[in-house]
């Protein structure tokens, strides 16, 4: 949907609409990247705990 908006604004005389669309696209990218990194970190920590050796008795 954002890409379609960007294509529609391609011929616009002013740069503001294009900058707004680019900012929205960047925000979507950053938000999804943060979510992916958080999920990966959680899985990494879970796997690190699962591979710890059993305590000696």
Protein backbone atom coordinates (compact mmCIF):
# COMPACT_ATOMS: atom_id res chain seq x y z
CA UNK A 1 0.00 0.00 0.00
CA UNK A 2 2.85 2.40 0.84
CA UNK A 3 4.64 1.50 -2.39
CA UNK A 4 1.49 2.30 -4.38
CA UNK A 5 1.31 5.68 -2.65
CA UNK A 6 4.96 6.32 -3.49
CA UNK A 7 4.36 5.47 -7.15
CA UNK A 8 1.35 7.79 -7.28
CA UNK A 9 3.43 10.64 -5.85
CA UNK A 10 6.35 10.05 -8.21
CA UNK A 11 5.35 12.89 -10.50
CA UNK A 12 4.49 15.36 -7.73
CA UNK A 13 6.12 18.76 -8.00
CA UNK A 14 6.73 19.14 -4.27
CA UNK A 15 9.08 16.86 -2.35
CA UNK A 16 7.05 16.80 0.91
CA UNK A 17 4.66 14.01 -0.07
CA UNK A 18 7.57 11.82 -1.13
CA UNK A 19 9.43 12.53 2.11
CA UNK A 20 6.35 11.64 4.16
CA UNK A 21 5.94 8.33 2.34
CA UNK A 22 9.65 7.59 2.80
CA UNK A 23 9.39 8.36 6.53
CA UNK A 24 6.41 6.00 6.91
CA UNK A 25 8.29 3.26 5.06
CA UNK A 26 11.35 3.79 7.26
CA UNK A 27 9.23 3.61 10.42
CA UNK A 28 7.66 0.33 9.27
CA UNK A 29 11.13 -1.07 8.53
CA UNK A 30 12.60 0.00 11.88
CA UNK A 31 9.60 -1.28 13.86
CA UNK A 32 9.67 -4.69 12.18
CA UNK A 33 13.46 -4.90 12.56
CA UNK A 34 13.21 -4.23 16.29
CA UNK A 35 10.54 -6.92 16.67
CA UNK A 36 12.66 -9.44 14.77
CA UNK A 37 15.74 -8.64 16.88
CA UNK A 38 13.75 -8.95 20.12
CA UNK A 39 12.38 -12.32 19.07
CA UNK A 40 15.82 -13.55 18.00
CA UNK A 41 17.37 -12.40 21.31
CA UNK A 42 14.63 -14.17 23.29
CA UNK A 43 15.19 -17.40 21.35
CA UNK A 44 18.96 -17.08 21.77
CA UNK A 45 18.64 -16.69 25.54
CA UNK A 46 16.21 -19.62 25.74
CA UNK A 47 18.55 -21.86 23.75
CA UNK A 48 21.55 -20.79 25.84
CA UNK A 49 19.74 -21.78 29.04
CA UNK A 50 18.61 -25.09 27.50
CA UNK A 51 22.20 -26.06 26.64
CA UNK A 52 23.65 -25.44 30.12
CA UNK A 53 25.13 -28.54 31.70
CA UNK A 54 23.17 -30.19 34.49
CA UNK A 55 24.37 -29.30 38.00
CA UNK A 56 26.75 -31.83 39.54
CA UNK A 57 25.53 -33.77 42.56
